Amino acid sequence: MVPLIGIEEEYLIVDPRTRHVAPRAAEVLAAATDVLDVVQEITRFQVEARTPPSADLSELGSQLRAARKEVASAARSCGLAVVASGIPVLGTVMPSPLTDDDRYLQGRALYRALQDEISICALHVHVDVPDPEHAVYVGNHLRPWLPTLIALAANSPFFVGRDTGYASWRVISWGRWPVSGAPPYFGSFGDYELALQALAESGALLDAKTVYWDARPSPRLPTVEIRVADVPLDVADSLTLIGLIRALVVTALTAVRRGDRGLPIPAEVLRAAYWRAARDGLRGDSLDVRHGTLVPAAVMAGRLLEHVRPALAQAGDLTFIQEGLDRLLRKGSGAMRQRRAYERGNDLAEVVDDLIEATVA
């Protein structure tokens, strides 16, 4: 049976005149009365759209397009716009204006200046799994492929008026948090539970929801949640990533049922692969952590496709994802398209204008 998927996408609110992010999410949410499920996020620069669970990528695509268009329409009614970018391109964002919520304010007291750059937007993919133990072992199997997903999804090269030199500055900024980035390797579910107990004792966790690893058992749903990707520039890229992620989970579940708990890649090697993928995206080389060798990012994308090919074929998604991946490699990631927009006008306002248009294309 093909697992159900649930999607969360986060978007930034911008002033289309200044192109700066605008702390007016509450107004947009109030205007977005007909959207499937749009909610507040940690800062007043952001909103989040959620889809109902579905096993059909085409249906998920329709839901995401409807959500983006509804949020954009609500923003326009307030004289605003929305963009799908991993991090703000322009504007004053530090410290970020937090949404008026007791939990977020408690987080400010706990995490302090880490929240200054928290205006980041990601794609979260929930995939059904039998239980949290399976979710932990799935995370082990996903670890070698998370850098490739970072490169494919990279969509945050500019941050508040500056070219960071990275394809995904969101990944770098987010990586400073105490429980973020690639999940550790766990040899048993008991080891996972002991780690969470120690993290809670250290004060690094506000609650179960602040386990922010890029693959984690959901604290509230029977799913594994993969949160490694920048929010993609357009829905076509989102669907390509969603299909690859589900296929990775299905492939991992098959291995776990055979008793295979995954390859224990050293954390420091995976951290270096994260850095390389976030810096170069699809333009450079990627570290294949299974072999410790550098190969072109496009080659790693091809290896990922081959790894999940049986799962894609089983779901009936192989042709769709193969075409989507070819398109993504041909036209470039969101980061590459942002840079091309900048080169057209040598102006970051041009980048924001392109983001506004592409978000609902």
Protein backbone atom coordinates (compact mmCIF):
# COMPACT_ATOMS: atom_id res chain seq x y z
CA MET A 1 0.00 0.00 0.00
CA VAL A 2 1.27 3.49 -0.89
CA PRO A 3 1.62 5.62 2.28
CA LEU A 4 -0.40 8.78 2.75
CA ILE A 5 1.43 12.11 2.69
CA GLY A 6 0.64 15.39 4.41
CA ILE A 7 2.38 18.62 3.42
CA GLU A 8 3.22 21.88 5.18
CA GLU A 9 4.65 24.82 3.22
CA GLU A 10 5.73 28.10 4.81
CA TYR A 11 5.64 31.44 2.96
CA LEU A 12 6.87 34.96 3.66
CA ILE A 13 4.66 38.08 3.58
CA VAL A 14 6.20 40.97 1.62
CA ASP A 15 5.31 44.54 0.78
CA PRO A 16 5.21 44.57 -3.05
CA ARG A 17 6.23 48.24 -3.10
CA THR A 18 9.37 48.03 -0.96
CA ARG A 19 9.85 44.25 -1.50
CA HIS A 20 10.68 43.96 2.20
CA VAL A 21 9.16 41.32 4.43
CA ALA A 22 6.19 42.74 6.34
CA PRO A 23 5.07 41.67 9.84
CA ARG A 24 1.41 41.48 8.81
CA ALA A 25 0.67 37.77 8.74
CA ALA A 26 -2.37 38.19 10.99
CA GLU A 27 -4.08 40.38 8.37
CA VAL A 28 -3.43 37.82 5.64
CA LEU A 29 -4.73 34.97 7.81
CA ALA A 30 -7.89 36.92 8.58
CA ALA A 31 -8.46 37.45 4.85
CA ALA A 32 -7.73 33.82 3.87
CA THR A 33 -11.05 32.45 5.05
CA ASP A 34 -11.63 29.92 2.26
CA VAL A 35 -8.24 28.25 2.13
CA LEU A 36 -7.89 24.58 3.06
CA ASP A 37 -5.76 25.12 6.17
CA VAL A 38 -3.59 28.21 6.64
CA VAL A 39 -2.19 28.99 10.08
CA GLN A 40 0.18 31.32 11.88
CA GLU A 41 3.88 30.59 12.21
CA ILE A 42 6.51 31.59 14.74
CA THR A 43 7.05 35.09 13.30
CA ARG A 44 4.62 37.68 12.01
CA PHE A 45 6.43 37.56 8.64
CA GLN A 46 5.17 34.03 7.90
CA VAL A 47 2.12 31.88 7.22
CA GLU A 48 1.90 28.13 6.78
CA ALA A 49 -0.38 26.13 4.47
CA ARG A 50 -1.24 22.51 5.22
CA THR A 51 -2.81 19.84 3.02
CA PRO A 52 -5.08 16.99 4.08
CA PRO A 53 -3.40 13.56 3.85
CA SER A 54 -3.39 12.04 0.38
CA ALA A 55 -1.61 9.24 -1.45
CA ASP A 56 -1.98 10.96 -4.83
CA LEU A 57 0.72 13.41 -5.92
CA SER A 58 -1.60 15.02 -8.45
CA GLU A 59 -4.18 15.69 -5.75
CA LEU A 60 -1.49 17.11 -3.46
CA GLY A 61 -0.35 19.37 -6.29
CA SER A 62 -3.88 20.70 -6.76
CA GLN A 63 -4.17 21.34 -3.03
CA LEU A 64 -0.84 23.18 -2.88
CA ARG A 65 -1.67 25.33 -5.90
CA ALA A 66 -5.06 26.20 -4.41
CA ALA A 67 -3.45 27.07 -1.08
CA ARG A 68 -0.77 29.27 -2.67
CA LYS A 69 -3.32 31.10 -4.81
CA GLU A 70 -5.68 31.65 -1.91
CA VAL A 71 -2.91 32.97 0.34
CA ALA A 72 -1.66 35.23 -2.47
CA SER A 73 -5.19 36.50 -3.06
CA ALA A 74 -5.66 37.19 0.65
CA ALA A 75 -2.34 39.04 0.72
CA ARG A 76 -3.31 41.16 -2.31
CA SER A 77 -6.53 42.19 -0.58
CA CYS A 78 -4.30 43.65 2.16
CA GLY A 79 -1.93 45.35 -0.30
CA LEU A 80 0.67 42.63 0.25
CA ALA A 81 2.19 39.62 -1.53
CA VAL A 82 3.58 36.21 -0.60
CA VAL A 83 6.82 34.58 -1.68
CA ALA A 84 8.17 31.05 -1.47
CA SER A 85 11.74 31.66 -0.34
CA GLY A 86 13.70 29.91 2.37
CA ILE A 87 14.72 33.18 4.02
CA PRO A 88 13.89 36.90 3.62
CA VAL A 89 15.62 38.56 0.66
CA LEU A 90 15.04 42.15 1.85
CA GLY A 91 13.91 43.84 5.03
CA THR A 92 14.81 44.30 8.68
CA VAL A 93 14.27 40.96 10.36
CA MET A 94 16.47 40.91 13.45
CA PRO A 95 15.19 40.35 16.01
CA SER A 96 12.27 38.66 14.31
CA PRO A 97 8.82 39.86 15.41
CA LEU A 98 7.31 36.83 17.12
CA THR A 99 3.67 35.87 16.82
CA ASP A 100 1.75 36.60 20.02
CA ASP A 101 1.72 33.08 21.43
CA ASP A 102 2.83 31.93 24.88
CA ARG A 103 4.85 29.02 23.49
CA TYR A 104 6.79 31.22 21.08
CA LEU A 105 7.52 33.71 23.85
CA GLN A 106 8.76 30.89 26.10
CA GLY A 107 11.05 29.90 23.23
CA ARG A 108 12.47 33.43 23.15
CA ALA A 109 13.46 33.08 26.81
CA LEU A 110 15.01 29.66 26.20
CA TYR A 111 16.77 30.13 22.85
CA ARG A 112 17.51 33.86 23.04
CA ALA A 113 19.41 35.30 20.06
CA LEU A 114 18.98 32.05 18.09
CA GLN A 115 15.49 33.33 17.32
CA ASP A 116 16.83 36.51 15.70
CA GLU A 117 17.02 34.78 12.30
CA ILE A 118 14.04 32.46 12.74
CA SER A 119 12.11 33.91 9.77
CA ILE A 120 12.85 30.81 7.70
CA CYS A 121 10.51 28.84 5.46
CA ALA A 122 10.65 25.12 4.77
CA LEU A 123 8.75 22.28 3.15
CA HIS A 124 7.66 19.65 5.69
CA VAL A 125 6.60 16.24 4.41
CA HIS A 126 4.73 13.80 6.67
CA VAL A 127 4.72 10.17 5.50
CA ASP A 128 2.71 7.47 7.26
CA VAL A 129 4.74 4.86 9.13
CA PRO A 130 3.57 2.07 11.47
CA ASP A 131 4.90 3.62 14.71
CA PRO A 132 7.62 5.92 16.17
CA GLU A 133 10.15 3.08 16.30
CA HIS A 134 9.89 2.60 12.54
CA ALA A 135 10.16 6.37 12.13
CA VAL A 136 13.48 6.40 14.00
CA TYR A 137 14.97 3.66 11.84
CA VAL A 138 13.65 5.32 8.69
CA GLY A 139 15.61 8.40 9.81
CA ASN A 140 18.77 6.27 9.94
CA HIS A 141 18.22 5.24 6.32
CA LEU A 142 17.42 8.78 5.16
CA ARG A 143 20.57 10.33 6.65
CA PRO A 144 22.87 9.64 3.62
CA TRP A 145 20.36 11.24 1.24
CA LEU A 146 19.46 14.40 3.17
CA PRO A 147 22.34 16.46 1.64
CA THR A 148 21.06 15.61 -1.85
CA LEU A 149 17.59 16.85 -0.90
CA ILE A 150 19.19 20.06 0.40
CA ALA A 151 20.91 20.64 -2.94
CA LEU A 152 17.74 19.96 -4.93
CA ALA A 153 15.58 22.21 -2.75
CA ALA A 154 18.05 25.08 -2.16
CA ASN A 155 16.12 28.35 -2.37
CA SER A 156 17.70 30.88 -0.02
CA PRO A 157 20.88 32.50 -1.43
CA PHE A 158 20.10 36.10 -0.40
CA PHE A 159 19.51 37.25 3.16
CA VAL A 160 18.28 40.77 4.02
CA GLY A 161 20.09 42.46 1.15
CA ARG A 162 23.24 40.35 1.11
CA ASP A 163 24.44 37.58 -1.17
CA THR A 164 25.46 34.90 1.33
CA GLY A 165 27.47 32.91 -1.21
CA TYR A 166 25.35 29.89 -0.29
CA ALA A 167 22.53 28.19 -2.15
CA SER A 168 20.66 27.53 1.10
CA TRP A 169 21.41 30.00 3.87
CA ARG A 170 18.35 28.65 5.71
CA VAL A 171 20.17 25.35 6.29
CA ILE A 172 23.22 27.16 7.68
CA SER A 173 21.22 29.52 9.88
CA TRP A 174 18.98 26.75 11.18
CA GLY A 175 21.94 24.45 11.87
CA ARG A 176 22.99 26.51 14.92
CA TRP A 177 20.03 25.29 16.96
CA PRO A 178 20.73 22.60 19.58
CA VAL A 179 18.38 19.98 18.10
CA SER A 180 18.41 20.63 14.37
CA GLY A 181 20.00 19.36 11.17
CA ALA A 182 20.54 15.70 10.41
CA PRO A 183 19.16 13.27 12.98
CA PRO A 184 21.71 11.24 14.93
CA TYR A 185 22.05 7.56 14.14
CA PHE A 186 20.19 5.41 16.66
CA GLY A 187 21.01 1.72 17.07
CA SER A 188 17.77 1.11 18.95
CA PHE A 189 14.53 2.85 19.79
CA GLY A 190 15.63 2.78 23.42
CA ASP A 191 18.70 4.84 22.46
CA TYR A 192 16.41 7.40 20.85
CA GLU A 193 14.26 7.67 23.96
CA LEU A 194 17.33 8.04 26.19
CA ALA A 195 18.68 10.80 23.93
CA LEU A 196 15.41 12.72 24.19
CA GLN A 197 15.44 12.37 27.96
CA ALA A 198 18.96 13.80 28.11
CA LEU A 199 18.07 16.64 25.74
CA ALA A 200 15.07 17.51 27.88
CA GLU A 201 17.23 17.41 31.01
CA SER A 202 19.73 19.77 29.37
CA GLY A 203 17.02 22.36 28.73
CA ALA A 204 17.51 22.17 24.94
CA LEU A 205 13.86 21.18 24.44
CA LEU A 206 10.91 23.39 25.19
CA ASP A 207 8.64 20.40 24.49
CA ALA A 208 8.41 17.42 22.13
CA LYS A 209 7.74 19.73 19.18
CA THR A 210 11.19 21.31 19.53
CA VAL A 211 12.95 18.15 18.37
CA TYR A 212 13.78 19.84 15.07
CA TRP A 213 15.89 17.18 13.36
CA ASP A 214 15.38 17.03 9.60
CA ALA A 215 13.81 13.59 9.92
CA ARG A 216 11.90 12.83 13.10
CA PRO A 217 8.91 10.92 14.43
CA SER A 218 6.07 13.40 14.46
CA PRO A 219 5.15 14.34 18.05
CA ARG A 220 1.44 14.35 17.19
CA LEU A 221 0.87 12.10 14.14
CA PRO A 222 1.72 8.46 13.14
CA THR A 223 4.24 9.74 10.61
CA VAL A 224 7.88 10.41 10.00
CA GLU A 225 8.33 14.12 9.28
CA ILE A 226 11.04 15.19 6.82
CA ARG A 227 11.81 18.91 7.14
CA VAL A 228 15.17 19.24 5.37
CA ALA A 229 14.06 21.27 2.32
CA ASP A 230 13.79 25.00 1.76
CA VAL A 231 10.27 25.82 0.64
CA PRO A 232 10.51 25.33 -3.14
CA LEU A 233 9.97 28.21 -5.52
CA ASP A 234 7.06 26.54 -7.32
CA VAL A 235 4.66 23.64 -6.83
CA ALA A 236 6.27 21.52 -9.55
CA ASP A 237 9.52 21.47 -7.58
CA SER A 238 7.61 20.73 -4.37
CA LEU A 239 5.96 17.70 -5.94
CA THR A 240 9.27 16.35 -7.24
CA LEU A 241 10.75 16.56 -3.75
CA ILE A 242 7.62 15.13 -2.12
CA GLY A 243 7.65 12.13 -4.45
CA LEU A 244 11.35 11.48 -3.84
CA ILE A 245 10.88 11.79 -0.07
CA ARG A 246 7.99 9.34 0.05
CA ALA A 247 9.96 6.89 -2.08
CA LEU A 248 12.91 7.21 0.31
CA VAL A 249 10.62 6.41 3.24
CA VAL A 250 9.09 3.39 1.45
CA THR A 251 12.56 2.14 0.51
CA ALA A 252 13.70 2.57 4.10
CA LEU A 253 10.64 0.78 5.52
CA THR A 254 11.36 -2.20 3.27
CA ALA A 255 14.91 -2.37 4.62
CA VAL A 256 13.79 -1.94 8.25
CA ARG A 257 11.35 -4.85 7.90
CA ARG A 258 14.35 -6.98 6.84
CA GLY A 259 16.09 -6.02 10.08
CA ASP A 260 18.37 -3.41 8.46
CA ARG A 261 18.62 -0.33 10.69
CA GLY A 262 20.69 1.72 8.29
CA LEU A 263 24.31 2.68 7.62
CA PRO A 264 25.86 4.54 10.60
CA ILE A 265 27.40 7.49 8.76
CA PRO A 266 29.60 9.49 11.17
CA ALA A 267 27.91 12.71 12.27
CA GLU A 268 30.92 14.85 11.36
CA VAL A 269 30.95 13.49 7.79
CA LEU A 270 27.25 14.16 7.39
CA ARG A 271 27.71 17.66 8.79
CA ALA A 272 30.36 18.36 6.14
CA ALA A 273 28.05 17.03 3.43
CA TYR A 274 25.29 19.33 4.69
CA TRP A 275 27.64 22.32 4.51
CA ARG A 276 28.78 21.44 0.99
CA ALA A 277 25.20 20.95 -0.26
CA ALA A 278 24.01 24.18 1.36
CA ARG A 279 26.94 26.12 -0.08
CA ASP A 280 26.98 24.85 -3.66
CA GLY A 281 23.51 23.42 -4.24
CA LEU A 282 23.19 21.94 -7.71
CA ARG A 283 26.02 24.03 -9.15
CA GLY A 284 28.89 22.16 -7.57
CA ASP A 285 29.96 18.80 -6.24
CA SER A 286 28.31 16.85 -3.45
CA LEU A 287 29.81 14.48 -0.92
CA ASP A 288 28.51 10.94 -1.27
CA VAL A 289 28.74 10.09 2.42
CA ARG A 290 28.38 6.37 1.76
CA HIS A 291 31.75 6.31 -0.01
CA GLY A 292 33.42 9.54 1.14
CA THR A 293 33.84 10.84 -2.40
CA LEU A 294 32.93 14.09 -4.16
CA VAL A 295 30.76 13.78 -7.25
CA PRO A 296 28.73 16.34 -9.24
CA ALA A 297 25.45 17.20 -7.53
CA ALA A 298 23.54 16.02 -10.60
CA VAL A 299 25.23 12.63 -10.30
CA MET A 300 24.08 12.36 -6.68
CA ALA A 301 20.56 13.23 -7.80
CA GLY A 302 20.76 10.38 -10.29
CA ARG A 303 21.98 7.99 -7.61
CA LEU A 304 19.05 9.02 -5.42
CA LEU A 305 16.64 8.30 -8.26
CA GLU A 306 18.15 4.84 -8.79
CA HIS A 307 17.99 4.13 -5.06
CA VAL A 308 14.25 4.79 -4.93
CA ARG A 309 13.30 3.61 -8.43
CA PRO A 310 11.47 0.44 -7.25
CA ALA A 311 9.41 2.44 -4.72
CA LEU A 312 8.53 5.06 -7.35
CA ALA A 313 7.48 2.34 -9.79
CA GLN A 314 5.37 0.65 -7.13
CA ALA A 315 3.53 3.93 -6.44
CA GLY A 316 3.07 4.65 -10.16
CA ASP A 317 5.16 7.82 -9.78
CA LEU A 318 8.33 6.88 -11.67
CA THR A 319 7.69 8.76 -14.92
CA PHE A 320 6.29 11.80 -13.13
CA ILE A 321 9.26 12.09 -10.74
CA GLN A 322 11.84 11.30 -13.41
CA GLU A 323 10.44 14.11 -15.58
CA GLY A 324 10.27 16.43 -12.58
CA LEU A 325 13.86 15.73 -11.60
CA ASP A 326 15.03 16.23 -15.20
CA ARG A 327 13.19 19.56 -15.28
CA LEU A 328 14.68 20.65 -11.96
CA LEU A 329 18.21 19.78 -13.06
CA ARG A 330 17.68 21.54 -16.37
CA LYS A 331 16.18 24.82 -15.12
CA GLY A 332 18.02 24.85 -11.80
CA SER A 333 17.00 25.06 -8.16
CA GLY A 334 15.21 28.03 -6.65
CA ALA A 335 18.57 29.45 -5.57
CA MET A 336 19.87 29.35 -9.13
CA ARG A 337 16.72 31.01 -10.42
CA GLN A 338 16.99 33.72 -7.75
CA ARG A 339 20.55 34.41 -8.87
CA ARG A 340 19.49 34.60 -12.51
CA ALA A 341 16.79 37.13 -11.58
CA TYR A 342 19.41 39.20 -9.78
CA GLU A 343 21.76 39.06 -12.75
CA ARG A 344 18.99 40.33 -15.05
CA GLY A 345 18.59 43.57 -13.13
CA ASN A 346 21.53 43.63 -10.72
CA ASP A 347 18.90 44.41 -8.10
CA LEU A 348 17.40 42.31 -5.31
CA ALA A 349 14.02 43.96 -5.91
CA GLU A 350 14.03 42.03 -9.21
CA VAL A 351 14.55 38.83 -7.22
CA VAL A 352 11.53 39.52 -5.00
CA ASP A 353 9.37 40.38 -8.02
CA ASP A 354 10.35 37.06 -9.61
CA LEU A 355 9.56 35.23 -6.37
CA ILE A 356 6.10 36.81 -6.17
CA GLU A 357 5.34 35.67 -9.71
CA ALA A 358 6.83 32.18 -9.42
CA THR A 359 5.15 31.37 -6.11
CA VAL A 360 1.73 31.15 -7.74
CA ALA A 361 2.78 30.18 -11.29
